[in-house]
Amino acid sequence: MGALLLRGARCAALIGLATITCASTPAFAATSSVDGADTAWMIVATALVLMMTIPGLALFYSGMVRKKNVLATMAQSLAAVMIISILWATFGYSLVFTGDGPWVGALDRIFLAGMSMDSVHPAAKTIPEALFMLYQMTFAIITVALVAGSVADRMRFSAYLLFSIAWFVLVYVPLAHWIWGGGFLASMGVVDFAGGLVVHLSAGVSGLVAARVLGQRQGYGYENLSPFDLSLAVMGTGLLWVGWFGFNGGSALAADSRAVMAIIATHLAACAGALTWGAIEWSARRKPSVLGMISGAVAGLGTITPASGFVAPWHGVIIGVIAGAVCYWACTWLKQRFKYDDSLDVFGVHGVGGLTGTLLAGVFATASIGGVSGVIEDHAEQLLVQFYGVAVTLTWCSGVTYVILKLVSVFVPLRVSREHELEGLDISQHGEALQ
């Protein structure tokens, strides 16, 4: 009898535990902050931004180099994906988005420690933290890949790998924390919705420094360095353009009206930038080039990026027109005046575009859209704050990039030999070539 009573008590306890568990499951699900619609959108946005690097940027860049360097140029984009993904998951995400230090984050999420299926980040409370981490990873990837365009046709692949690792650690990680991770620039009120400073200006000014350190390509200024296949560049532009919807729209971190407004402003800025660049060429050279139109589109996309979640759609048109004109000037007059060989105009398009867009965010920011007012709403102080953010980014990125290049050159030559450059980087660096 005692045994039967003991068994009965155990069964009752198990049934009670099961009842409590089943009853608590709906309550947990009801209080969970993860939203299915937001999560679905951010998965799509993450895929779109990764697509911007491979194949988007890979095609865009390789279509503008000579045939003998197409594969080597694609390899740089591919390498950025592989290396930065590992580094971001290992410690990059933690140093950018955990901790509250003004200069750099903490190591709370090193090797993604403590990240569970149910955890969320304070900056994105309606999507899983793992998805937020993955989305931000794609930004780090394309930023590092962008820099390669300034030194195309002449940088040694081994040097590029070492440079990418060091640049990610010493330039991208601190800058991203300062602005997006709660660092000192964020506390001062600097706004950068999707990467005008963190992505475009940092890559552009670093690319300019790298181009100056490596020197001009063989034959620069007197040989034909025209693109091998602009059709590849046009296809790459299309992939970048569509991917930018995830880049800017996804930066709202939710499937909401702000994401839609950012996408509309982004698309209109790209259209206005392409039309403006083409119109200037048509007026100056009597013919609008395909290269000019796609360059204008990318200029518009890069320039609207920091402002996209703070401005109205019609502001995107104005910003796109300004982007087309300013970036055209930077890629023609400014480049010729100072005779720097920025192979694929990373500084002229992304650097100048990111700088311009960051300042214009301080002009056109609308409180009803992004919660921040700019000059048009009688808040001129925001423009001054944006100037400060630009100054810090220019100073940090240019100085640290120069030091990194000098350090890398101690271990491996930065540039291929003259013979290898004339032969082509496809053969000399990878042992392959297009037929």
Foldseek 3Di string as FASTA:
>chain_A
DVVVVVVVVVVVVVVVVVVVVVVVVVVVVVPQQADPQLQVLLVVLLVLLLVLLVPQVLLQLLQWFAQQASVVLSVLSVLLLVVLVVVLLQALVQFQAADQEQFTHDRCQHNHPPQDQRDPGPVQRHYRNVSVSSSVSSLLSVLLSLLVLQVGLWFAPVLSNLLSVLCSVQALSRLSNNCPRNHVLVVLPQFFQQDLLNRQQLSQLLSLLVLVVRDAAVCPPHDDGGGHHCVSSVVSLVSNLVSLLSRQLCSVSGPDPLSVQLNLLLNLLLQLQLVLQQVVCCVPVVGRDPLSSSLRSLLLNLQQRRQSQFAGNVVSNVLSNVSNVQLSCCVPVVCVVVVGRRPNSSNSRRNVSSLNSSLVSQAGGDCVRRNDDHVVVVCPVNSVSSVVSSVVSSVSSSVSSNVSSVVSCVVPNGTDDSVDSVSHCCCVNPNDGDD
